Amino acid sequence: MAEQLTEEQISEFKEAFSLFDKDGDGCITTKELGTVMRSLGQNPTEAELQDMINEVDADGNGTIDFPEFLNLMAGKMKDTDSEEELKEAFRVFDKDQNGFISAAPPSAALP
C-alpha cells in the first residue's frame, strides 16, 4: 500500500516520524502515534488510534516502525481520497449548491 505514496509524501511522513522517534531506534510508541498523525493534519479518535495500532503492530510490542507507519498513512490517504470522490459525486447532484439533493428523480440529473 505504501508504494502508492509519492516521494514527497514519504519524505513528509519520514520527517514527522523522526520527530517522535526519541531514541532514534526507528520505532515510535503507540502513545506517540496520535501526536504524529495530528502533526500531519489528521484528527483520529482514541478508538481509531487503537484500531490503527492493532492493524500495524503485528508483534504486539507496542511500537510501530517506519514501514508499518507508511502502510498506515497510505491507508489514511486512500480513505481521504475516497471521501473527496464521494463529495465530488454529491456535488454533481447538488444543483442548487446548498448541501442538499432535491427531490427530483436521479434520472433528471442525467445528460
C-alpha atoms as a PDB file:
ATOM      1  CA  MET A   1       0.000   0.000   0.000  1.00  0.00           C
ATOM      2  CA  ALA A   2       2.892   2.399   0.794  1.00  0.00           C
ATOM      3  CA  GLU A   3       4.103   2.078  -2.806  1.00  0.00           C
ATOM      4  CA  GLN A   4       1.171   4.331  -3.795  1.00  0.00           C
ATOM      5  CA  LEU A   5       2.733   7.283  -1.945  1.00  0.00           C
ATOM      6  CA  THR A   6       4.779   9.937  -3.733  1.00  0.00           C
ATOM      7  CA  GLU A   7       8.401  10.586  -2.784  1.00  0.00           C
ATOM      8  CA  GLU A   8       7.263  13.919  -1.337  1.00  0.00           C
ATOM      9  CA  GLN A   9       4.660  12.223   0.873  1.00  0.00           C
ATOM     10  CA  ILE A  10       7.174   9.620   2.056  1.00  0.00           C
ATOM     11  CA  SER A  11       9.650  12.379   2.886  1.00  0.00           C
ATOM     12  CA  GLU A  12       6.980  14.302   4.817  1.00  0.00           C
ATOM     13  CA  PHE A  13       5.966  11.189   6.761  1.00  0.00           C
ATOM     14  CA  LYS A  14       9.623  10.330   7.500  1.00  0.00           C
ATOM     15  CA  GLU A  15      10.207  13.813   8.894  1.00  0.00           C
ATOM     16  CA  ALA A  16       7.139  13.594  11.130  1.00  0.00           C
ATOM     17  CA  PHE A  17       8.051  10.056  12.194  1.00  0.00           C
ATOM     18  CA  SER A  18      11.602  11.129  13.087  1.00  0.00           C
ATOM     19  CA  LEU A  19      10.358  13.945  15.312  1.00  0.00           C
ATOM     20  CA  PHE A  20       8.783  11.379  17.616  1.00  0.00           C
ATOM     21  CA  ASP A  21      11.442   8.665  17.404  1.00  0.00           C
ATOM     22  CA  LYS A  22      13.081   9.991  20.559  1.00  0.00           C
ATOM     23  CA  ASP A  23      15.849   7.413  20.884  1.00  0.00           C
ATOM     24  CA  GLY A  24      16.475   7.042  17.150  1.00  0.00           C
ATOM     25  CA  ASP A  25      15.779   3.304  17.147  1.00  0.00           C
ATOM     26  CA  GLY A  26      13.424   3.500  14.153  1.00  0.00           C
ATOM     27  CA  CYS A  27      10.252   2.949  16.210  1.00  0.00           C
ATOM     28  CA  ILE A  28       7.614   5.131  17.811  1.00  0.00           C
ATOM     29  CA  THR A  29       5.462   4.045  20.686  1.00  0.00           C
ATOM     30  CA  THR A  30       1.758   3.623  20.180  1.00  0.00           C
ATOM     31  CA  LYS A  31       1.108   6.555  22.526  1.00  0.00           C
ATOM     32  CA  GLU A  32       3.052   8.818  20.177  1.00  0.00           C
ATOM     33  CA  LEU A  33       1.056   7.761  17.119  1.00  0.00           C
ATOM     34  CA  GLY A  34      -1.771  10.217  17.806  1.00  0.00           C
ATOM     35  CA  THR A  35       0.668  13.102  18.108  1.00  0.00           C
ATOM     36  CA  VAL A  36       2.348  12.159  14.828  1.00  0.00           C
ATOM     37  CA  MET A  37      -0.958  11.906  12.982  1.00  0.00           C
ATOM     38  CA  ARG A  38      -2.209  15.234  14.348  1.00  0.00           C
ATOM     39  CA  SER A  39       1.018  16.859  13.139  1.00  0.00           C
ATOM     40  CA  LEU A  40       0.061  15.645   9.649  1.00  0.00           C
ATOM     41  CA  GLY A  41      -3.421  17.152   9.756  1.00  0.00           C
ATOM     42  CA  GLN A  42      -5.302  14.007  10.796  1.00  0.00           C
ATOM     43  CA  ASN A  43      -7.605  14.014  13.824  1.00  0.00           C
ATOM     44  CA  PRO A  44      -8.163  10.402  14.893  1.00  0.00           C
ATOM     45  CA  THR A  45     -10.291   9.439  17.884  1.00  0.00           C
ATOM     46  CA  GLU A  46      -8.854   7.214  20.612  1.00  0.00           C
ATOM     47  CA  ALA A  47     -10.814   4.259  19.205  1.00  0.00           C
ATOM     48  CA  GLU A  48      -9.470   4.938  15.700  1.00  0.00           C
ATOM     49  CA  LEU A  49      -5.923   5.150  17.072  1.00  0.00           C
ATOM     50  CA  GLN A  50      -6.313   1.817  18.825  1.00  0.00           C
ATOM     51  CA  ASP A  51      -7.673   0.239  15.637  1.00  0.00           C
ATOM     52  CA  MET A  52      -4.766   1.652  13.604  1.00  0.00           C
ATOM     53  CA  ILE A  53      -2.245   0.414  16.132  1.00  0.00           C
ATOM     54  CA  ASN A  54      -3.806  -3.053  16.128  1.00  0.00           C
ATOM     55  CA  GLU A  55      -3.642  -3.127  12.318  1.00  0.00           C
ATOM     56  CA  VAL A  56       0.088  -2.432  12.066  1.00  0.00           C
ATOM     57  CA  ASP A  57       1.644  -3.583  15.346  1.00  0.00           C
ATOM     58  CA  ALA A  58       1.789  -7.213  14.253  1.00  0.00           C
ATOM     59  CA  ASP A  59       4.037  -8.430  17.062  1.00  0.00           C
ATOM     60  CA  GLY A  60       2.115  -6.517  19.729  1.00  0.00           C
ATOM     61  CA  ASN A  61       5.267  -4.944  21.167  1.00  0.00           C
ATOM     62  CA  GLY A  62       3.670  -1.500  21.460  1.00  0.00           C
ATOM     63  CA  THR A  63       5.890   0.176  18.871  1.00  0.00           C
ATOM     64  CA  ILE A  64       5.492   0.934  15.183  1.00  0.00           C
ATOM     65  CA  ASP A  65       8.432   1.010  12.785  1.00  0.00           C
ATOM     66  CA  PHE A  66       8.600   3.290   9.751  1.00  0.00           C
ATOM     67  CA  PRO A  67       7.435   0.736   7.129  1.00  0.00           C
ATOM     68  CA  GLU A  68       4.397  -0.044   9.324  1.00  0.00           C
ATOM     69  CA  PHE A  69       3.768   3.690   9.726  1.00  0.00           C
ATOM     70  CA  LEU A  70       3.939   4.236   5.948  1.00  0.00           C
ATOM     71  CA  ASN A  71       1.362   1.499   5.374  1.00  0.00           C
ATOM     72  CA  LEU A  72      -0.881   3.068   7.988  1.00  0.00           C
ATOM     73  CA  MET A  73      -0.605   6.546   6.463  1.00  0.00           C
ATOM     74  CA  ALA A  74      -1.107   5.216   2.928  1.00  0.00           C
ATOM     75  CA  GLY A  75      -4.392   3.706   4.121  1.00  0.00           C
ATOM     76  CA  LYS A  76      -5.438   7.022   5.685  1.00  0.00           C
ATOM     77  CA  MET A  77      -4.582   8.878   2.470  1.00  0.00           C
ATOM     78  CA  LYS A  78      -6.659   6.391   0.471  1.00  0.00           C
ATOM     79  CA  ASP A  79      -9.616   6.937   2.815  1.00  0.00           C
ATOM     80  CA  THR A  80      -9.272  10.700   2.330  1.00  0.00           C
ATOM     81  CA  ASP A  81      -9.213  10.289  -1.456  1.00  0.00           C
ATOM     82  CA  SER A  82     -12.381   8.182  -1.331  1.00  0.00           C
ATOM     83  CA  GLU A  83     -14.129  10.821   0.765  1.00  0.00           C
ATOM     84  CA  GLU A  84     -13.200  13.515  -1.764  1.00  0.00           C
ATOM     85  CA  GLU A  85     -14.552  11.370  -4.606  1.00  0.00           C
ATOM     86  CA  LEU A  86     -17.852  10.971  -2.740  1.00  0.00           C
ATOM     87  CA  LYS A  87     -18.104  14.719  -2.144  1.00  0.00           C
ATOM     88  CA  GLU A  88     -17.410  15.383  -5.810  1.00  0.00           C
ATOM     89  CA  ALA A  89     -20.113  12.909  -6.854  1.00  0.00           C
ATOM     90  CA  PHE A  90     -22.550  14.542  -4.420  1.00  0.00           C
ATOM     91  CA  ARG A  91     -21.870  17.975  -5.926  1.00  0.00           C
ATOM     92  CA  VAL A  92     -22.976  16.677  -9.339  1.00  0.00           C
ATOM     93  CA  PHE A  93     -26.489  16.149  -7.941  1.00  0.00           C
ATOM     94  CA  ASP A  94     -26.465  19.240  -5.680  1.00  0.00           C
ATOM     95  CA  LYS A  95     -27.755  21.540  -8.436  1.00  0.00           C
ATOM     96  CA  ASP A  96     -28.514  24.433  -6.056  1.00  0.00           C
ATOM     97  CA  GLN A  97     -25.135  24.010  -4.301  1.00  0.00           C
ATOM     98  CA  ASN A  98     -26.885  24.218  -0.938  1.00  0.00           C
ATOM     99  CA  GLY A  99     -25.679  20.916   0.515  1.00  0.00           C
ATOM    100  CA  PHE A 100     -28.875  19.065  -0.376  1.00  0.00           C
ATOM    101  CA  ILE A 101     -30.051  16.950  -3.280  1.00  0.00           C
ATOM    102  CA  SER A 102     -33.502  17.981  -4.459  1.00  0.00           C
ATOM    103  CA  ALA A 103     -36.394  15.511  -4.633  1.00  0.00           C
ATOM    104  CA  ALA A 104     -36.222  15.336  -8.433  1.00  0.00           C
ATOM    105  CA  PRO A 105     -35.620  11.786  -9.639  1.00  0.00           C
ATOM    106  CA  PRO A 106     -31.941  10.924 -10.193  1.00  0.00           C
ATOM    107  CA  SER A 107     -32.659  10.416 -13.896  1.00  0.00           C
ATOM    108  CA  ALA A 108     -33.251  14.185 -14.119  1.00  0.00           C
ATOM    109  CA  ALA A 109     -29.550  14.714 -13.455  1.00  0.00           C
ATOM    110  CA  LEU A 110     -28.512  12.536 -16.385  1.00  0.00           C
ATOM    111  CA  PRO A 111     -27.461  14.315 -19.601  1.00  0.00           C
END
